[in-house]
């Protein structure tokens, strides 16, 4: 039966999770991809655009488009790398950090709703197993 295939299960689990996280992020005027970028930029030191793209596993063109949108929303800022003017460094703005904190809490609630049908021990195991696979 195709319902037991891993690809089917992962796809539909992801769709269900997006159904919960999408609305959770709406009040912050960001989507799941922007949330992912902002989460990667939550570092003590700014990252280059390329480093951030590599951490997310996306191409540079896509990263530039995502950062352009986040910059228009005043959630991230870019500046030239101090030692290599060919690179842009990217960091969250103060407003971006506030939005990310609130959005992270909202996503946490959505994730808990997604996992609500599982006992706590199974929730931890599920996350651990996915982490090992990824």
N, C-alpha and C. Protein backbone atom coordinates (compact mmCIF):
# COMPACT_ATOMS: atom_id res chain seq x y z
N UNK A 1 0.85 -1.19 0.00
CA UNK A 1 0.00 0.00 0.00
C UNK A 1 0.89 1.25 0.00
N UNK A 2 0.58 2.23 -0.85
CA UNK A 2 1.41 3.42 -0.97
C UNK A 2 1.39 4.30 0.28
N UNK A 3 0.36 4.19 1.11
CA UNK A 3 0.30 4.98 2.34
C UNK A 3 1.41 4.63 3.31
N UNK A 4 2.00 3.47 3.18
CA UNK A 4 3.07 3.04 4.07
C UNK A 4 4.45 3.38 3.53
N UNK A 5 4.51 3.91 2.31
CA UNK A 5 5.79 4.28 1.72
C UNK A 5 6.35 5.50 2.46
N UNK A 6 7.63 5.47 2.69
CA UNK A 6 8.28 6.55 3.44
C UNK A 6 8.09 7.90 2.78
N UNK A 7 8.26 7.96 1.46
CA UNK A 7 8.09 9.23 0.76
C UNK A 7 6.70 9.81 0.95
N UNK A 8 5.69 8.95 0.84
CA UNK A 8 4.30 9.39 1.04
C UNK A 8 4.12 9.92 2.46
N UNK A 9 4.60 9.16 3.44
CA UNK A 9 4.42 9.56 4.84
C UNK A 9 5.13 10.87 5.16
N UNK A 10 6.37 11.01 4.69
CA UNK A 10 7.11 12.24 4.96
C UNK A 10 6.46 13.43 4.26
N UNK A 11 6.04 13.24 3.04
CA UNK A 11 5.39 14.33 2.30
C UNK A 11 4.13 14.80 3.02
N UNK A 12 3.30 13.87 3.42
CA UNK A 12 2.03 14.25 4.03
C UNK A 12 2.21 14.75 5.47
N UNK A 13 3.21 14.26 6.15
CA UNK A 13 3.52 14.80 7.47
C UNK A 13 3.99 16.25 7.32
N UNK A 14 4.83 16.51 6.32
CA UNK A 14 5.31 17.86 6.07
C UNK A 14 4.16 18.79 5.69
N UNK A 15 3.25 18.31 4.86
CA UNK A 15 2.09 19.13 4.49
C UNK A 15 1.26 19.48 5.71
N UNK A 16 1.04 18.51 6.58
CA UNK A 16 0.25 18.75 7.80
C UNK A 16 0.97 19.76 8.70
N UNK A 17 2.28 19.61 8.85
CA UNK A 17 3.03 20.55 9.67
C UNK A 17 2.96 21.96 9.09
N UNK A 18 3.05 22.08 7.77
CA UNK A 18 2.94 23.40 7.12
C UNK A 18 1.56 24.01 7.33
N UNK A 19 0.53 23.16 7.37
CA UNK A 19 -0.83 23.66 7.64
C UNK A 19 -0.92 24.31 9.02
N UNK A 20 -0.09 23.86 9.92
CA UNK A 20 -0.09 24.42 11.28
C UNK A 20 0.88 25.58 11.42
N UNK A 21 2.07 25.46 10.84
CA UNK A 21 3.08 26.51 11.02
C UNK A 21 2.80 27.74 10.16
N UNK A 22 2.22 27.54 8.98
CA UNK A 22 1.91 28.69 8.12
C UNK A 22 1.06 29.73 8.83
N UNK A 23 -0.11 29.32 9.34
CA UNK A 23 -0.93 30.28 10.07
C UNK A 23 -0.26 30.82 11.35
N UNK A 24 0.58 30.00 11.97
CA UNK A 24 1.28 30.45 13.18
C UNK A 24 2.25 31.59 12.86
N UNK A 25 2.79 31.59 11.65
CA UNK A 25 3.75 32.63 11.25
C UNK A 25 3.09 33.87 10.66
N UNK A 26 1.85 33.76 10.24
CA UNK A 26 1.17 34.89 9.59
C UNK A 26 1.20 36.19 10.40
N UNK A 27 0.98 36.15 11.72
CA UNK A 27 1.01 37.42 12.46
C UNK A 27 2.36 38.14 12.39
N UNK A 28 3.40 37.40 12.06
CA UNK A 28 4.75 37.98 12.01
C UNK A 28 5.15 38.36 10.58
N UNK A 29 4.22 38.15 9.64
CA UNK A 29 4.40 38.52 8.24
C UNK A 29 5.63 37.86 7.61
N UNK A 30 5.87 36.59 8.00
CA UNK A 30 6.92 35.79 7.39
C UNK A 30 6.34 34.42 7.07
N UNK A 31 7.02 33.73 6.16
CA UNK A 31 6.60 32.37 5.85
C UNK A 31 7.65 31.38 6.36
N UNK A 32 7.43 30.12 6.11
CA UNK A 32 8.33 29.09 6.62
C UNK A 32 9.74 29.20 6.10
N UNK A 33 9.88 29.56 4.85
CA UNK A 33 11.24 29.71 4.28
C UNK A 33 11.97 30.88 4.93
N UNK A 34 11.26 31.99 5.11
CA UNK A 34 11.88 33.16 5.75
C UNK A 34 12.23 32.83 7.20
N UNK A 35 11.36 32.10 7.86
CA UNK A 35 11.63 31.67 9.23
C UNK A 35 12.90 30.83 9.28
N UNK A 36 13.07 29.94 8.31
CA UNK A 36 14.27 29.12 8.24
C UNK A 36 15.53 29.95 8.07
N UNK A 37 15.47 30.93 7.19
CA UNK A 37 16.62 31.81 6.97
C UNK A 37 16.94 32.58 8.25
N UNK A 38 15.93 33.14 8.86
CA UNK A 38 16.15 33.92 10.07
C UNK A 38 16.73 33.03 11.18
N UNK A 39 16.26 31.80 11.27
CA UNK A 39 16.76 30.88 12.29
C UNK A 39 18.25 30.59 12.09
N UNK A 40 18.66 30.44 10.83
CA UNK A 40 20.08 30.19 10.53
C UNK A 40 20.92 31.42 10.86
N UNK A 41 20.34 32.60 10.73
CA UNK A 41 21.09 33.83 10.99
C UNK A 41 21.18 34.16 12.48
N UNK A 42 20.52 33.37 13.32
CA UNK A 42 20.59 33.60 14.76
C UNK A 42 21.93 33.04 15.26
N UNK A 43 22.97 33.79 15.02
CA UNK A 43 24.33 33.41 15.41
C UNK A 43 24.99 34.59 16.10
N UNK A 44 25.98 34.31 16.93
CA UNK A 44 26.67 35.44 17.60
C UNK A 44 27.37 36.37 16.60
N UNK A 45 27.94 35.80 15.55
CA UNK A 45 28.63 36.58 14.53
C UNK A 45 27.85 36.52 13.22
N UNK A 46 27.83 37.60 12.46
CA UNK A 46 27.13 37.58 11.18
C UNK A 46 27.71 36.50 10.25
N UNK A 47 26.87 35.98 9.39
CA UNK A 47 27.29 35.00 8.38
C UNK A 47 27.36 35.69 7.03
N UNK A 48 28.14 35.13 6.12
CA UNK A 48 28.08 35.62 4.75
C UNK A 48 26.82 35.03 4.12
N UNK A 49 26.37 35.65 3.04
CA UNK A 49 25.21 35.13 2.33
C UNK A 49 25.46 33.69 1.90
N UNK A 50 26.69 33.41 1.44
CA UNK A 50 27.03 32.07 0.98
C UNK A 50 27.00 31.07 2.13
N UNK A 51 27.54 31.44 3.29
CA UNK A 51 27.51 30.54 4.44
C UNK A 51 26.07 30.21 4.84
N UNK A 52 25.22 31.21 4.86
CA UNK A 52 23.82 30.99 5.22
C UNK A 52 23.15 30.07 4.20
N UNK A 53 23.41 30.30 2.92
CA UNK A 53 22.82 29.46 1.87
C UNK A 53 23.30 28.02 2.00
N UNK A 54 24.58 27.84 2.29
CA UNK A 54 25.12 26.49 2.45
C UNK A 54 24.50 25.78 3.65
N UNK A 55 24.31 26.48 4.74
CA UNK A 55 23.70 25.87 5.93
C UNK A 55 22.27 25.43 5.67
N UNK A 56 21.58 26.16 4.79
CA UNK A 56 20.20 25.82 4.45
C UNK A 56 20.11 24.85 3.27
N UNK A 57 21.21 24.67 2.56
CA UNK A 57 21.19 23.80 1.40
C UNK A 57 20.42 24.37 0.23
N UNK A 58 20.51 25.71 0.05
CA UNK A 58 19.84 26.36 -1.07
C UNK A 58 20.86 27.10 -1.92
N UNK A 59 20.50 27.39 -3.15
CA UNK A 59 21.44 28.07 -4.04
C UNK A 59 21.50 29.56 -3.73
N UNK A 60 22.56 30.19 -4.22
CA UNK A 60 22.81 31.61 -3.93
C UNK A 60 21.70 32.52 -4.45
N UNK A 61 21.17 32.20 -5.62
CA UNK A 61 20.12 33.04 -6.21
C UNK A 61 18.88 33.04 -5.33
N UNK A 62 18.49 31.87 -4.85
CA UNK A 62 17.34 31.77 -3.96
C UNK A 62 17.61 32.52 -2.67
N UNK A 63 18.82 32.39 -2.15
CA UNK A 63 19.17 33.09 -0.90
C UNK A 63 19.08 34.59 -1.08
N UNK A 64 19.58 35.09 -2.18
CA UNK A 64 19.52 36.54 -2.44
C UNK A 64 18.07 37.01 -2.45
N UNK A 65 17.20 36.26 -3.13
CA UNK A 65 15.79 36.65 -3.19
C UNK A 65 15.15 36.64 -1.81
N UNK A 66 15.44 35.62 -1.01
CA UNK A 66 14.89 35.56 0.35
C UNK A 66 15.41 36.71 1.20
N UNK A 67 16.69 36.99 1.10
CA UNK A 67 17.27 38.09 1.89
C UNK A 67 16.74 39.44 1.43
N UNK A 68 16.52 39.60 0.13
CA UNK A 68 15.94 40.85 -0.36
C UNK A 68 14.59 41.10 0.31
N UNK A 69 13.75 40.06 0.38
CA UNK A 69 12.44 40.19 1.01
C UNK A 69 12.56 40.49 2.50
N UNK A 70 13.45 39.80 3.17
CA UNK A 70 13.63 40.03 4.61
C UNK A 70 14.21 41.42 4.88
N UNK A 71 15.05 41.87 4.00
CA UNK A 71 15.63 43.21 4.16
C UNK A 71 14.56 44.28 3.96
N UNK A 72 13.67 44.08 2.96
CA UNK A 72 12.57 45.03 2.76
C UNK A 72 11.68 45.10 4.00
N UNK A 73 11.55 44.00 4.69
CA UNK A 73 10.73 43.96 5.92
C UNK A 73 11.52 44.44 7.14
N UNK A 74 12.76 44.84 6.93
CA UNK A 74 13.64 45.35 7.99
C UNK A 74 13.92 44.29 9.06
N UNK A 75 14.01 43.03 8.62
CA UNK A 75 14.28 41.92 9.54
C UNK A 75 15.74 41.50 9.51
N UNK A 76 16.42 41.78 8.39
CA UNK A 76 17.86 41.50 8.28
C UNK A 76 18.55 42.71 7.68
N UNK A 77 19.84 42.77 7.90
CA UNK A 77 20.66 43.80 7.29
C UNK A 77 21.87 43.16 6.64
N UNK A 78 22.35 43.77 5.57
CA UNK A 78 23.55 43.28 4.88
C UNK A 78 24.58 44.39 4.86
N UNK A 79 25.82 43.96 4.93
CA UNK A 79 26.93 44.91 4.82
C UNK A 79 28.11 44.19 4.20
N UNK A 80 29.02 44.93 3.61
CA UNK A 80 30.19 44.28 3.02
C UNK A 80 31.05 43.60 4.10
N UNK A 81 31.64 42.48 3.74
CA UNK A 81 32.58 41.80 4.63
C UNK A 81 33.77 42.72 4.85
N UNK A 82 34.26 42.87 6.09
CA UNK A 82 35.35 43.81 6.33
C UNK A 82 36.65 43.46 5.61
N UNK A 83 36.91 42.18 5.38
CA UNK A 83 38.16 41.78 4.75
C UNK A 83 38.01 41.42 3.28
N UNK A 84 36.79 41.19 2.82
CA UNK A 84 36.56 40.76 1.44
C UNK A 84 35.31 41.46 0.91
N UNK A 85 35.50 42.53 0.21
CA UNK A 85 34.38 43.34 -0.27
C UNK A 85 33.48 42.61 -1.26
N UNK A 86 33.91 41.46 -1.76
CA UNK A 86 33.07 40.68 -2.67
C UNK A 86 31.97 39.95 -1.92
N UNK A 87 32.11 39.81 -0.61
CA UNK A 87 31.14 39.09 0.21
C UNK A 87 30.24 40.05 0.95
N UNK A 88 28.99 39.65 1.12
CA UNK A 88 28.06 40.38 1.97
C UNK A 88 27.84 39.60 3.25
N UNK A 89 27.91 40.30 4.37
CA UNK A 89 27.61 39.70 5.66
C UNK A 89 26.15 40.00 5.96
N UNK A 90 25.47 39.05 6.58
CA UNK A 90 24.05 39.20 6.85
C UNK A 90 23.81 38.95 8.33
N UNK A 91 22.96 39.78 8.92
CA UNK A 91 22.59 39.56 10.31
C UNK A 91 21.18 40.06 10.55
N UNK A 92 20.58 39.50 11.59
CA UNK A 92 19.25 39.94 12.00
C UNK A 92 19.34 41.35 12.55
N UNK A 93 18.33 42.15 12.27
CA UNK A 93 18.22 43.46 12.91
C UNK A 93 17.63 43.25 14.31
N UNK A 94 17.59 44.29 15.10
CA UNK A 94 16.94 44.19 16.41
C UNK A 94 15.49 43.76 16.26
N UNK A 95 14.81 44.38 15.31
CA UNK A 95 13.42 44.02 15.03
C UNK A 95 13.34 42.56 14.57
N UNK A 96 14.29 42.15 13.74
CA UNK A 96 14.32 40.77 13.26
C UNK A 96 14.47 39.77 14.40
N UNK A 97 15.31 40.11 15.38
CA UNK A 97 15.49 39.22 16.54
C UNK A 97 14.19 39.11 17.34
N UNK A 98 13.50 40.22 17.51
CA UNK A 98 12.22 40.21 18.23
C UNK A 98 11.19 39.36 17.49
N UNK A 99 11.10 39.55 16.18
CA UNK A 99 10.15 38.78 15.37
C UNK A 99 10.51 37.30 15.44
N UNK A 100 11.80 36.99 15.33
CA UNK A 100 12.21 35.59 15.36
C UNK A 100 11.88 34.94 16.70
N UNK A 101 12.11 35.64 17.79
CA UNK A 101 11.77 35.08 19.11
C UNK A 101 10.29 34.74 19.21
N UNK A 102 9.45 35.68 18.82
CA UNK A 102 8.00 35.45 18.89
C UNK A 102 7.58 34.37 17.91
N UNK A 103 8.12 34.38 16.71
CA UNK A 103 7.77 33.38 15.70
C UNK A 103 8.22 31.99 16.13
N UNK A 104 9.37 31.92 16.80
CA UNK A 104 9.87 30.63 17.28
C UNK A 104 8.92 30.04 18.32
N UNK A 105 8.40 30.88 19.19
CA UNK A 105 7.41 30.40 20.17
C UNK A 105 6.15 29.90 19.46
N UNK A 106 5.70 30.65 18.46
CA UNK A 106 4.49 30.27 17.72
C UNK A 106 4.70 28.95 16.97
N UNK A 107 5.86 28.78 16.36
CA UNK A 107 6.17 27.54 15.65
C UNK A 107 6.25 26.39 16.65
N UNK A 108 6.82 26.64 17.82
CA UNK A 108 6.88 25.61 18.85
C UNK A 108 5.50 25.10 19.23
N UNK A 109 4.56 26.02 19.37
CA UNK A 109 3.17 25.63 19.69
C UNK A 109 2.58 24.81 18.54
N UNK A 110 2.83 25.23 17.30
CA UNK A 110 2.33 24.50 16.14
C UNK A 110 2.94 23.10 16.08
N UNK A 111 4.23 22.99 16.37
CA UNK A 111 4.88 21.68 16.36
C UNK A 111 4.30 20.77 17.44
N UNK A 112 4.03 21.34 18.60
CA UNK A 112 3.42 20.54 19.67
C UNK A 112 2.03 20.06 19.27
N UNK A 113 1.29 20.91 18.57
CA UNK A 113 -0.02 20.50 18.09
C UNK A 113 0.13 19.36 17.08
N UNK A 114 1.11 19.47 16.21
CA UNK A 114 1.38 18.43 15.22
C UNK A 114 1.67 17.09 15.90
N UNK A 115 2.43 17.12 16.98
CA UNK A 115 2.86 15.90 17.68
C UNK A 115 1.90 15.48 18.79
N UNK A 116 0.82 16.21 18.97
CA UNK A 116 -0.08 15.99 20.10
C UNK A 116 -0.60 14.56 20.21
N UNK A 117 -0.71 13.85 19.11
CA UNK A 117 -1.22 12.48 19.14
C UNK A 117 -0.22 11.45 19.63
N UNK A 118 1.00 11.90 19.92
CA UNK A 118 2.04 10.98 20.37
C UNK A 118 2.36 11.22 21.84
N UNK A 119 2.65 10.14 22.58
CA UNK A 119 3.12 10.34 23.96
C UNK A 119 4.47 11.08 23.95
N UNK A 120 4.78 11.75 25.04
CA UNK A 120 6.00 12.58 25.14
C UNK A 120 7.26 11.80 24.75
N UNK A 121 7.39 10.59 25.21
CA UNK A 121 8.58 9.79 24.89
C UNK A 121 8.69 9.55 23.38
N UNK A 122 7.56 9.29 22.73
CA UNK A 122 7.56 9.10 21.28
C UNK A 122 7.90 10.39 20.54
N UNK A 123 7.48 11.52 21.08
CA UNK A 123 7.82 12.81 20.46
C UNK A 123 9.33 13.01 20.43
N UNK A 124 9.96 12.74 21.58
CA UNK A 124 11.42 12.88 21.65
C UNK A 124 12.10 11.90 20.69
N UNK A 125 11.62 10.66 20.69
CA UNK A 125 12.20 9.64 19.81
C UNK A 125 12.04 10.04 18.35
N UNK A 126 10.88 10.53 17.97
CA UNK A 126 10.61 10.95 16.60
C UNK A 126 11.61 12.03 16.17
N UNK A 127 11.78 13.04 17.01
CA UNK A 127 12.73 14.11 16.71
C UNK A 127 14.16 13.57 16.62
N UNK A 128 14.52 12.70 17.56
CA UNK A 128 15.88 12.13 17.56
C UNK A 128 16.14 11.31 16.29
N UNK A 129 15.17 10.51 15.90
CA UNK A 129 15.33 9.68 14.71
C UNK A 129 15.45 10.54 13.45
N UNK A 130 14.60 11.55 13.34
CA UNK A 130 14.69 12.45 12.18
C UNK A 130 16.03 13.18 12.17
N UNK A 131 16.48 13.61 13.33
CA UNK A 131 17.78 14.30 13.42
C UNK A 131 18.90 13.39 12.94
N UNK A 132 18.86 12.13 13.32
CA UNK A 132 19.90 11.19 12.87
C UNK A 132 19.85 10.98 11.36
N UNK A 133 18.65 10.91 10.80
CA UNK A 133 18.53 10.71 9.37
C UNK A 133 19.00 11.94 8.58
N UNK A 134 18.72 13.09 9.10
CA UNK A 134 19.09 14.33 8.42
C UNK A 134 20.58 14.59 8.61
